């Protein structure tokens, strides 16, 4: 009878980190990198005015970690924006209702 451990197919998983350009996602990516985890870096570009700075920060983080950054263009979603909450420093966030 075959060994059950040899019959089990090992499935590799991959974590996706959505880099916002902020501290939380950067720390998560750095932590996964330090642990040798398998992960991808993605930046969601909504086309907001602050996107230029966020995208630049995300690129710097991916460069530092030596990992490619996938940029997903979601500019059309800005047209669907239901409300806008203005934060200090001229940043904006989508007010999801």
PDB file of N, CA and C in Angstrom:
ATOM      1  N   UNK A   1       0.845  -1.186   0.000  1.00  0.00           N
ATOM      2  CA  UNK A   1       0.000   0.000   0.000  1.00  0.00           C
ATOM      3  C   UNK A   1       0.888   1.247   0.000  1.00  0.00           C
ATOM      4  N   UNK A   2       0.577   2.248  -0.848  1.00  0.00           N
ATOM      5  CA  UNK A   2       1.391   3.459  -0.925  1.00  0.00           C
ATOM      6  C   UNK A   2       1.333   4.274   0.373  1.00  0.00           C
ATOM      7  N   UNK A   3       2.412   4.949   0.640  1.00  0.00           N
ATOM      8  CA  UNK A   3       2.484   5.836   1.810  1.00  0.00           C
ATOM      9  C   UNK A   3       1.581   7.050   1.574  1.00  0.00           C
ATOM     10  N   UNK A   4       0.609   7.331   2.472  1.00  0.00           N
ATOM     11  CA  UNK A   4      -0.310   8.465   2.276  1.00  0.00           C
ATOM     12  C   UNK A   4       0.410   9.802   2.112  1.00  0.00           C
ATOM     13  N   UNK A   5       1.527   9.963   2.787  1.00  0.00           N
ATOM     14  CA  UNK A   5       2.263  11.225   2.658  1.00  0.00           C
ATOM     15  C   UNK A   5       2.782  11.442   1.241  1.00  0.00           C
ATOM     16  N   UNK A   6       3.082  10.368   0.550  1.00  0.00           N
ATOM     17  CA  UNK A   6       3.563  10.484  -0.817  1.00  0.00           C
ATOM     18  C   UNK A   6       2.415  10.723  -1.796  1.00  0.00           C
ATOM     19  N   UNK A   7       1.201  10.402  -1.381  1.00  0.00           N
ATOM     20  CA  UNK A   7       0.038  10.569  -2.241  1.00  0.00           C
ATOM     21  C   UNK A   7      -0.510  11.997  -2.195  1.00  0.00           C
ATOM     22  N   UNK A   8      -0.183  12.709  -1.137  1.00  0.00           N
ATOM     23  CA  UNK A   8      -0.718  14.064  -0.970  1.00  0.00           C
ATOM     24  C   UNK A   8       0.087  15.022  -1.830  1.00  0.00           C
ATOM     25  N   UNK A   9      -0.617  15.740  -2.671  1.00  0.00           N
ATOM     26  CA  UNK A   9       0.046  16.742  -3.508  1.00  0.00           C
ATOM     27  C   UNK A   9       0.185  18.028  -2.703  1.00  0.00           C
ATOM     28  N   UNK A  10       1.368  18.509  -2.586  1.00  0.00           N
ATOM     29  CA  UNK A  10       1.623  19.744  -1.851  1.00  0.00           C
ATOM     30  C   UNK A  10       1.232  20.927  -2.731  1.00  0.00           C
ATOM     31  N   UNK A  11       0.425  21.807  -2.182  1.00  0.00           N
ATOM     32  CA  UNK A  11      -0.022  22.982  -2.905  1.00  0.00           C
ATOM     33  C   UNK A  11       0.719  24.188  -2.355  1.00  0.00           C
ATOM     34  N   UNK A  12       1.384  24.877  -3.238  1.00  0.00           N
ATOM     35  CA  UNK A  12       2.066  26.090  -2.817  1.00  0.00           C
ATOM     36  C   UNK A  12       1.087  27.245  -2.849  1.00  0.00           C
ATOM     37  N   UNK A  13       1.142  28.046  -1.818  1.00  0.00           N
ATOM     38  CA  UNK A  13       0.287  29.224  -1.785  1.00  0.00           C
ATOM     39  C   UNK A  13       1.139  30.466  -1.950  1.00  0.00           C
ATOM     40  N   UNK A  14       0.498  31.495  -2.430  1.00  0.00           N
ATOM     41  CA  UNK A  14       1.191  32.758  -2.636  1.00  0.00           C
ATOM     42  C   UNK A  14       0.332  33.869  -2.053  1.00  0.00           C
ATOM     43  N   UNK A  15       0.944  34.677  -1.247  1.00  0.00           N
ATOM     44  CA  UNK A  15       0.260  35.811  -0.633  1.00  0.00           C
ATOM     45  C   UNK A  15       0.356  37.004  -1.570  1.00  0.00           C
ATOM     46  N   UNK A  16      -0.715  37.776  -1.636  1.00  0.00           N
ATOM     47  CA  UNK A  16      -0.715  39.003  -2.419  1.00  0.00           C
ATOM     48  C   UNK A  16      -0.751  40.173  -1.436  1.00  0.00           C
ATOM     49  N   UNK A  17       0.216  41.053  -1.546  1.00  0.00           N
ATOM     50  CA  UNK A  17       0.268  42.256  -0.715  1.00  0.00           C
ATOM     51  C   UNK A  17      -0.101  43.440  -1.594  1.00  0.00           C
ATOM     52  N   UNK A  18      -1.180  44.114  -1.218  1.00  0.00           N
ATOM     53  CA  UNK A  18      -1.579  45.315  -1.936  1.00  0.00           C
ATOM     54  C   UNK A  18      -0.845  46.480  -1.279  1.00  0.00           C
ATOM     55  N   UNK A  19       0.143  46.995  -1.985  1.00  0.00           N
ATOM     56  CA  UNK A  19       0.935  48.115  -1.458  1.00  0.00           C
ATOM     57  C   UNK A  19       0.181  49.411  -1.691  1.00  0.00           C
ATOM     58  N   UNK A  20      -0.045  50.129  -0.621  1.00  0.00           N
ATOM     59  CA  UNK A  20      -0.702  51.428  -0.736  1.00  0.00           C
ATOM     60  C   UNK A  20       0.328  52.550  -0.797  1.00  0.00           C
ATOM     61  N   UNK A  21       1.568  52.199  -0.502  1.00  0.00           N
ATOM     62  CA  UNK A  21       2.596  53.223  -0.370  1.00  0.00           C
ATOM     63  C   UNK A  21       2.731  53.676   1.074  1.00  0.00           C
ATOM     64  N   UNK A  22       1.885  53.132   1.944  1.00  0.00           N
ATOM     65  CA  UNK A  22       1.885  53.504   3.355  1.00  0.00           C
ATOM     66  C   UNK A  22       2.687  52.529   4.204  1.00  0.00           C
ATOM     67  N   UNK A  23       2.723  52.835   5.488  1.00  0.00           N
ATOM     68  CA  UNK A  23       3.549  52.083   6.425  1.00  0.00           C
ATOM     69  C   UNK A  23       3.044  50.652   6.651  1.00  0.00           C
ATOM     70  N   UNK A  24       1.737  50.470   6.813  1.00  0.00           N
ATOM     71  CA  UNK A  24       1.216  49.140   7.138  1.00  0.00           C
ATOM     72  C   UNK A  24       1.543  48.110   6.069  1.00  0.00           C
ATOM     73  N   UNK A  25       1.259  48.416   4.817  1.00  0.00           N
ATOM     74  CA  UNK A  25       1.525  47.450   3.750  1.00  0.00           C
ATOM     75  C   UNK A  25       3.025  47.258   3.537  1.00  0.00           C
ATOM     76  N   UNK A  26       3.816  48.311   3.767  1.00  0.00           N
ATOM     77  CA  UNK A  26       5.273  48.197   3.633  1.00  0.00           C
ATOM     78  C   UNK A  26       5.836  47.266   4.702  1.00  0.00           C
ATOM     79  N   UNK A  27       5.351  47.392   5.929  1.00  0.00           N
ATOM     80  CA  UNK A  27       5.817  46.528   7.019  1.00  0.00           C
ATOM     81  C   UNK A  27       5.430  45.079   6.748  1.00  0.00           C
ATOM     82  N   UNK A  28       4.215  44.872   6.260  1.00  0.00           N
ATOM     83  CA  UNK A  28       3.776  43.514   5.927  1.00  0.00           C
ATOM     84  C   UNK A  28       4.680  42.905   4.853  1.00  0.00           C
ATOM     85  N   UNK A  29       4.936  43.645   3.798  1.00  0.00           N
ATOM     86  CA  UNK A  29       5.792  43.146   2.716  1.00  0.00           C
ATOM     87  C   UNK A  29       7.203  42.855   3.226  1.00  0.00           C
ATOM     88  N   UNK A  30       7.751  43.739   4.034  1.00  0.00           N
ATOM     89  CA  UNK A  30       9.093  43.549   4.575  1.00  0.00           C
ATOM     90  C   UNK A  30       9.134  42.306   5.472  1.00  0.00           C
ATOM     91  N   UNK A  31       8.099  42.124   6.294  1.00  0.00           N
ATOM     92  CA  UNK A  31       8.035  40.974   7.187  1.00  0.00           C
ATOM     93  C   UNK A  31       7.985  39.668   6.403  1.00  0.00           C
ATOM     94  N   UNK A  32       7.154  39.618   5.362  1.00  0.00           N
ATOM     95  CA  UNK A  32       7.079  38.419   4.524  1.00  0.00           C
ATOM     96  C   UNK A  32       8.414  38.149   3.836  1.00  0.00           C
ATOM     97  N   UNK A  33       9.051  39.216   3.375  1.00  0.00           N
ATOM     98  CA  UNK A  33      10.358  39.094   2.712  1.00  0.00           C
ATOM     99  C   UNK A  33      11.395  38.523   3.687  1.00  0.00           C
ATOM    100  N   UNK A  34      11.403  39.046   4.904  1.00  0.00           N
ATOM    101  CA  UNK A  34      12.364  38.588   5.918  1.00  0.00           C
ATOM    102  C   UNK A  34      12.158  37.116   6.263  1.00  0.00           C
ATOM    103  N   UNK A  35      10.909  36.656   6.215  1.00  0.00           N
ATOM    104  CA  UNK A  35      10.595  35.258   6.549  1.00  0.00           C
ATOM    105  C   UNK A  35      10.765  34.337   5.359  1.00  0.00           C
ATOM    106  N   UNK A  36      11.096  34.889   4.196  1.00  0.00           N
ATOM    107  CA  UNK A  36      11.305  34.071   3.008  1.00  0.00           C
ATOM    108  C   UNK A  36      10.013  33.545   2.400  1.00  0.00           C
ATOM    109  N   UNK A  37       8.909  34.233   2.671  1.00  0.00           N
ATOM    110  CA  UNK A  37       7.610  33.808   2.156  1.00  0.00           C
ATOM    111  C   UNK A  37       7.479  34.100   0.664  1.00  0.00           C
ATOM    112  N   UNK A  38       6.597  33.371   0.020  1.00  0.00           N
ATOM    113  CA  UNK A  38       6.290  33.575  -1.386  1.00  0.00           C
ATOM    114  C   UNK A  38       5.148  34.589  -1.475  1.00  0.00           C
ATOM    115  N   UNK A  39       5.389  35.745  -2.068  1.00  0.00           N
ATOM    116  CA  UNK A  39       4.342  36.767  -2.155  1.00  0.00           C
ATOM    117  C   UNK A  39       4.530  37.646  -3.373  1.00  0.00           C
ATOM    118  N   UNK A  40       3.412  38.284  -3.771  1.00  0.00           N
ATOM    119  CA  UNK A  40       3.413  39.224  -4.891  1.00  0.00           C
ATOM    120  C   UNK A  40       3.066  40.604  -4.361  1.00  0.00           C
ATOM    121  N   UNK A  41       3.588  41.625  -5.045  1.00  0.00           N
ATOM    122  CA  UNK A  41       3.290  43.012  -4.690  1.00  0.00           C
ATOM    123  C   UNK A  41       2.425  43.629  -5.787  1.00  0.00           C
ATOM    124  N   UNK A  42       1.308  44.220  -5.369  1.00  0.00           N
ATOM    125  CA  UNK A  42       0.384  44.844  -6.309  1.00  0.00           C
ATOM    126  C   UNK A  42       0.047  46.245  -5.816  1.00  0.00           C
ATOM    127  N   UNK A  43      -0.029  47.198  -6.740  1.00  0.00           N
ATOM    128  CA  UNK A  43      -0.491  48.548  -6.421  1.00  0.00           C
ATOM    129  C   UNK A  43      -1.757  48.798  -7.235  1.00  0.00           C
ATOM    130  N   UNK A  44      -2.814  49.241  -6.562  1.00  0.00           N
ATOM    131  CA  UNK A  44      -4.073  49.556  -7.223  1.00  0.00           C
ATOM    132  C   UNK A  44      -4.125  51.054  -7.481  1.00  0.00           C
ATOM    133  N   UNK A  45      -4.031  51.421  -8.752  1.00  0.00           N
ATOM    134  CA  UNK A  45      -3.998  52.839  -9.141  1.00  0.00           C
ATOM    135  C   UNK A  45      -5.402  53.304  -9.515  1.00  0.00           C
ATOM    136  N   UNK A  46      -6.010  54.064  -8.597  1.00  0.00           N
ATOM    137  CA  UNK A  46      -7.367  54.571  -8.818  1.00  0.00           C
ATOM    138  C   UNK A  46      -7.381  55.886  -9.587  1.00  0.00           C
ATOM    139  N   UNK A  47      -6.213  56.429  -9.858  1.00  0.00           N
ATOM    140  CA  UNK A  47      -6.135  57.687 -10.589  1.00  0.00           C
ATOM    141  C   UNK A  47      -6.434  58.902  -9.737  1.00  0.00           C
ATOM    142  N   UNK A  48      -6.366  58.755  -8.417  1.00  0.00           N
ATOM    143  CA  UNK A  48      -6.591  59.885  -7.516  1.00  0.00           C
ATOM    144  C   UNK A  48      -5.393  60.829  -7.577  1.00  0.00           C
ATOM    145  N   UNK A  49      -5.585  62.079  -7.193  1.00  0.00           N
ATOM    146  CA  UNK A  49      -4.456  63.018  -7.206  1.00  0.00           C
ATOM    147  C   UNK A  49      -3.259  62.537  -6.370  1.00  0.00           C
ATOM    148  N   UNK A  50      -3.527  61.853  -5.278  1.00  0.00           N
ATOM    149  CA  UNK A  50      -2.452  61.391  -4.410  1.00  0.00           C
ATOM    150  C   UNK A  50      -1.763  60.133  -4.962  1.00  0.00           C
ATOM    151  N   UNK A  51      -2.308  59.555  -6.026  1.00  0.00           N
ATOM    152  CA  UNK A  51      -1.776  58.307  -6.581  1.00  0.00           C
ATOM    153  C   UNK A  51      -0.320  58.404  -7.003  1.00  0.00           C
ATOM    154  N   UNK A  52       0.100  59.546  -7.490  1.00  0.00           N
ATOM    155  CA  UNK A  52       1.487  59.699  -7.941  1.00  0.00           C
ATOM    156  C   UNK A  52       2.462  59.427  -6.803  1.00  0.00           C
ATOM    157  N   UNK A  53       2.195  60.002  -5.644  1.00  0.00           N
ATOM    158  CA  UNK A  53       3.080  59.790  -4.488  1.00  0.00           C
ATOM    159  C   UNK A  53       2.974  58.367  -3.970  1.00  0.00           C
ATOM    160  N   UNK A  54       1.758  57.822  -3.916  1.00  0.00           N
ATOM    161  CA  UNK A  54       1.570  56.454  -3.435  1.00  0.00           C
ATOM    162  C   UNK A  54       2.284  55.460  -4.347  1.00  0.00           C
ATOM    163  N   UNK A  55       2.129  55.643  -5.655  1.00  0.00           N
ATOM    164  CA  UNK A  55       2.754  54.741  -6.618  1.00  0.00           C
ATOM    165  C   UNK A  55       4.279  54.813  -6.523  1.00  0.00           C
ATOM    166  N   UNK A  56       4.806  56.021  -6.355  1.00  0.00           N
ATOM    167  CA  UNK A  56       6.257  56.184  -6.221  1.00  0.00           C
ATOM    168  C   UNK A  56       6.755  55.435  -4.974  1.00  0.00           C
ATOM    169  N   UNK A  57       6.031  55.575  -3.863  1.00  0.00           N
ATOM    170  CA  UNK A  57       6.417  54.884  -2.632  1.00  0.00           C
ATOM    171  C   UNK A  57       6.342  53.370  -2.812  1.00  0.00           C
ATOM    172  N   UNK A  58       5.287  52.888  -3.470  1.00  0.00           N
ATOM    173  CA  UNK A  58       5.142  51.452  -3.714  1.00  0.00           C
ATOM    174  C   UNK A  58       6.294  50.929  -4.577  1.00  0.00           C
ATOM    175  N   UNK A  59       6.688  51.706  -5.581  1.00  0.00           N
ATOM    176  CA  UNK A  59       7.822  51.306  -6.436  1.00  0.00           C
ATOM    177  C   UNK A  59       9.123  51.260  -5.637  1.00  0.00           C
ATOM    178  N   UNK A  60       9.314  52.221  -4.736  1.00  0.00           N
ATOM    179  CA  UNK A  60      10.517  52.235  -3.907  1.00  0.00           C
ATOM    180  C   UNK A  60      10.559  51.016  -2.984  1.00  0.00           C
ATOM    181  N   UNK A  61       9.411  50.666  -2.422  1.00  0.00           N
ATOM    182  CA  UNK A  61       9.335  49.500  -1.538  1.00  0.00           C
ATOM    183  C   UNK A  61       9.657  48.236  -2.327  1.00  0.00           C
ATOM    184  N   UNK A  62       9.055  48.072  -3.503  1.00  0.00           N
ATOM    185  CA  UNK A  62       9.301  46.864  -4.297  1.00  0.00           C
ATOM    186  C   UNK A  62      10.763  46.796  -4.740  1.00  0.00           C
ATOM    187  N   UNK A  63      11.335  47.940  -5.081  1.00  0.00           N
ATOM    188  CA  UNK A  63      12.740  47.980  -5.475  1.00  0.00           C
ATOM    189  C   UNK A  63      13.643  47.581  -4.308  1.00  0.00           C
ATOM    190  N   UNK A  64      13.350  48.098  -3.146  1.00  0.00           N
ATOM    191  CA  UNK A  64      14.137  47.772  -1.945  1.00  0.00           C
ATOM    192  C   UNK A  64      14.097  46.269  -1.659  1.00  0.00           C
ATOM    193  N   UNK A  65      12.909  45.669  -1.848  1.00  0.00           N
ATOM    194  CA  UNK A  65      12.760  44.244  -1.580  1.00  0.00           C
ATOM    195  C   UNK A  65      13.234  43.379  -2.750  1.00  0.00           C
ATOM    196  N   UNK A  66      13.530  44.022  -3.896  1.00  0.00           N
ATOM    197  CA  UNK A  66      13.990  43.273  -5.057  1.00  0.00           C
ATOM    198  C   UNK A  66      12.898  42.415  -5.677  1.00  0.00           C
ATOM    199  N   UNK A  67      11.661  42.906  -5.605  1.00  0.00           N
ATOM    200  CA  UNK A  67      10.511  42.171  -6.135  1.00  0.00           C
ATOM    201  C   UNK A  67       9.780  43.023  -7.154  1.00  0.00           C
ATOM    202  N   UNK A  68       9.200  42.397  -8.176  1.00  0.00           N
ATOM    203  CA  UNK A  68       8.439  43.182  -9.149  1.00  0.00           C
ATOM    204  C   UNK A  68       7.151  43.725  -8.530  1.00  0.00           C
ATOM    205  N   UNK A  69       6.700  44.841  -9.049  1.00  0.00           N
ATOM    206  CA  UNK A  69       5.454  45.459  -8.617  1.00  0.00           C
ATOM    207  C   UNK A  69       4.479  45.416  -9.783  1.00  0.00           C
ATOM    208  N   UNK A  70       3.322  44.835  -9.552  1.00  0.00           N
ATOM    209  CA  UNK A  70       2.265  44.823 -10.563  1.00  0.00           C
ATOM    210  C   UNK A  70       1.359  46.018 -10.293  1.00  0.00           C
ATOM    211  N   UNK A  71       1.143  46.841 -11.302  1.00  0.00           N
ATOM    212  CA  UNK A  71       0.273  48.013 -11.150  1.00  0.00           C
ATOM    213  C   UNK A  71      -1.022  47.742 -11.898  1.00  0.00           C
ATOM    214  N   UNK A  72      -2.128  47.810 -11.164  1.00  0.00           N
ATOM    215  CA  UNK A  72      -3.444  47.565 -11.734  1.00  0.00           C
ATOM    216  C   UNK A  72      -4.129  48.913 -11.934  1.00  0.00           C
ATOM    217  N   UNK A  73      -4.467  49.222 -13.186  1.00  0.00           N
ATOM    218  CA  UNK A  73      -5.111  50.493 -13.517  1.00  0.00           C
ATOM    219  C   UNK A  73      -6.611  50.395 -13.255  1.00  0.00           C
ATOM    220  N   UNK A  74      -7.084  51.165 -12.281  1.00  0.00           N
ATOM    221  CA  UNK A  74      -8.501  51.196 -11.921  1.00  0.00           C
ATOM    222  C   UNK A  74      -9.055  52.609 -12.034  1.00  0.00           C
ATOM    223  N   UNK A  75      -8.539  53.381 -12.984  1.00  0.00           N
ATOM    224  CA  UNK A  75      -8.946  54.779 -13.122  1.00  0.00           C
ATOM    225  C   UNK A  75     -10.447  54.948 -13.295  1.00  0.00           C
ATOM    226  N   UNK A  76     -11.115  54.011 -13.945  1.00  0.00           N
ATOM    227  CA  UNK A  76     -12.546  54.118 -14.152  1.00  0.00           C
ATOM    228  C   UNK A  76     -13.352  54.098 -12.862  1.00  0.00           C
ATOM    229  N   UNK A  77     -12.795  53.512 -11.812  1.00  0.00           N
ATOM    230  CA  UNK A  77     -13.511  53.464 -10.544  1.00  0.00           C
ATOM    231  C   UNK A  77     -13.652  54.840  -9.907  1.00  0.00           C
ATOM    232  N   UNK A  78     -12.770  55.754 -10.249  1.00  0.00           N
ATOM    233  CA  UNK A  78     -12.862  57.099  -9.682  1.00  0.00           C
ATOM    234  C   UNK A  78     -14.184  57.761 -10.074  1.00  0.00           C
ATOM    235  N   UNK A  79     -14.722  57.399 -11.239  1.00  0.00           N
ATOM    236  CA  UNK A  79     -15.992  57.951 -11.686  1.00  0.00           C
ATOM    237  C   UNK A  79     -17.166  57.451 -10.851  1.00  0.00           C
ATOM    238  N   UNK A  80     -16.989  56.320 -10.199  1.00  0.00           N
ATOM    239  CA  UNK A  80     -18.055  55.729  -9.398  1.00  0.00           C
ATOM    240  C   UNK A  80     -18.010  56.170  -7.936  1.00  0.00           C
ATOM    241  N   UNK A  81     -17.038  57.010  -7.629  1.00  0.00           N
ATOM    242  CA  UNK A  81     -16.817  57.424  -6.250  1.00  0.00           C
ATOM    243  C   UNK A  81     -18.085  58.038  -5.660  1.00  0.00           C
ATOM    244  N   UNK A  82     -18.584  57.422  -4.578  1.00  0.00           N
ATOM    245  CA  UNK A  82     -19.847  57.847  -3.980  1.00  0.00           C
ATOM    246  C   UNK A  82     -19.719  59.028  -3.052  1.00  0.00           C
ATOM    247  N   UNK A  83     -18.627  59.182  -2.406  1.00  0.00           N
ATOM    248  CA  UNK A  83     -18.437  60.271  -1.472  1.00  0.00           C
ATOM    249  C   UNK A  83     -16.964  60.443  -1.214  1.00  0.00           C
ATOM    250  N   UNK A  84     -16.593  61.568  -0.735  1.00  0.00           N
ATOM    251  CA  UNK A  84     -15.185  61.868  -0.538  1.00  0.00           C
ATOM    252  C   UNK A  84     -14.983  62.405   0.861  1.00  0.00           C
ATOM    253  N   UNK A  85     -14.091  61.777   1.594  1.00  0.00           N
ATOM    254  CA  UNK A  85     -13.736  62.251   2.920  1.00  0.00           C
ATOM    255  C   UNK A  85     -12.353  62.865   2.806  1.00  0.00           C
ATOM    256  N   UNK A  86     -12.245  64.134   3.063  1.00  0.00           N
ATOM    257  CA  UNK A  86     -10.945  64.797   2.974  1.00  0.00           C
ATOM    258  C   UNK A  86     -10.184  64.611   4.271  1.00  0.00           C
ATOM    259  N   UNK A  87      -8.947  64.193   4.143  1.00  0.00           N
ATOM    260  CA  UNK A  87      -8.077  64.011   5.297  1.00  0.00           C
ATOM    261  C   UNK A  87      -7.050  65.120   5.314  1.00  0.00           C
ATOM    262  N   UNK A  88      -6.352  65.244   6.423  1.00  0.00           N
ATOM    263  CA  UNK A  88      -5.308  66.259   6.528  1.00  0.00           C
ATOM    264  C   UNK A  88      -4.253  66.085   5.455  1.00  0.00           C
ATOM    265  N   UNK A  89      -3.655  67.159   5.022  1.00  0.00           N
ATOM    266  CA  UNK A  89      -2.588  67.103   4.031  1.00  0.00           C
ATOM    267  C   UNK A  89      -3.079  66.938   2.611  1.00  0.00           C
ATOM    268  N   UNK A  90      -4.364  67.116   2.375  1.00  0.00           N
ATOM    269  CA  UNK A  90      -4.868  67.051   1.016  1.00  0.00           C
ATOM    270  C   UNK A  90      -5.083  65.652   0.484  1.00  0.00           C
ATOM    271  N   UNK A  91      -4.952  64.627   1.350  1.00  0.00           N
ATOM    272  CA  UNK A  91      -5.192  63.265   0.899  1.00  0.00           C
ATOM    273  C   UNK A  91      -6.693  63.014   0.860  1.00  0.00           C
ATOM    274  N   UNK A  92      -7.089  62.023   0.102  1.00  0.00           N
ATOM    275  CA  UNK A  92      -8.508  61.677   0.045  1.00  0.00           C
ATOM    276  C   UNK A  92      -8.687  60.180   0.229  1.00  0.00           C
ATOM    277  N   UNK A  93      -9.851  59.802   0.681  1.00  0.00           N
ATOM    278  CA  UNK A  93     -10.213  58.411   0.846  1.00  0.00           C
ATOM    279  C   UNK A  93     -11.635  58.237   0.370  1.00  0.00           C
ATOM    280  N   UNK A  94     -11.922  57.090  -0.194  1.00  0.00           N
ATOM    281  CA  UNK A  94     -13.274  56.802  -0.647  1.00  0.00           C
ATOM    282  C   UNK A  94     -14.157  56.548   0.560  1.00  0.00           C
ATOM    283  N   UNK A  95     -15.273  57.206   0.627  1.00  0.00           N
ATOM    284  CA  UNK A  95     -16.246  57.020   1.709  1.00  0.00           C
ATOM    285  C   UNK A  95     -17.241  55.968   1.237  1.00  0.00           C
ATOM    286  N   UNK A  96     -16.992  54.718   1.641  1.00  0.00           N
ATOM    287  CA  UNK A  96     -17.839  53.611   1.207  1.00  0.00           C
ATOM    288  C   UNK A  96     -19.082  53.586   2.092  1.00  0.00           C
ATOM    289  N   UNK A  97     -20.252  53.613   1.453  1.00  0.00           N
ATOM    290  CA  UNK A  97     -21.496  53.617   2.215  1.00  0.00           C
ATOM    291  C   UNK A  97     -22.263  52.349   2.004  1.00  0.00           C
TER     292      UNK A  97
END
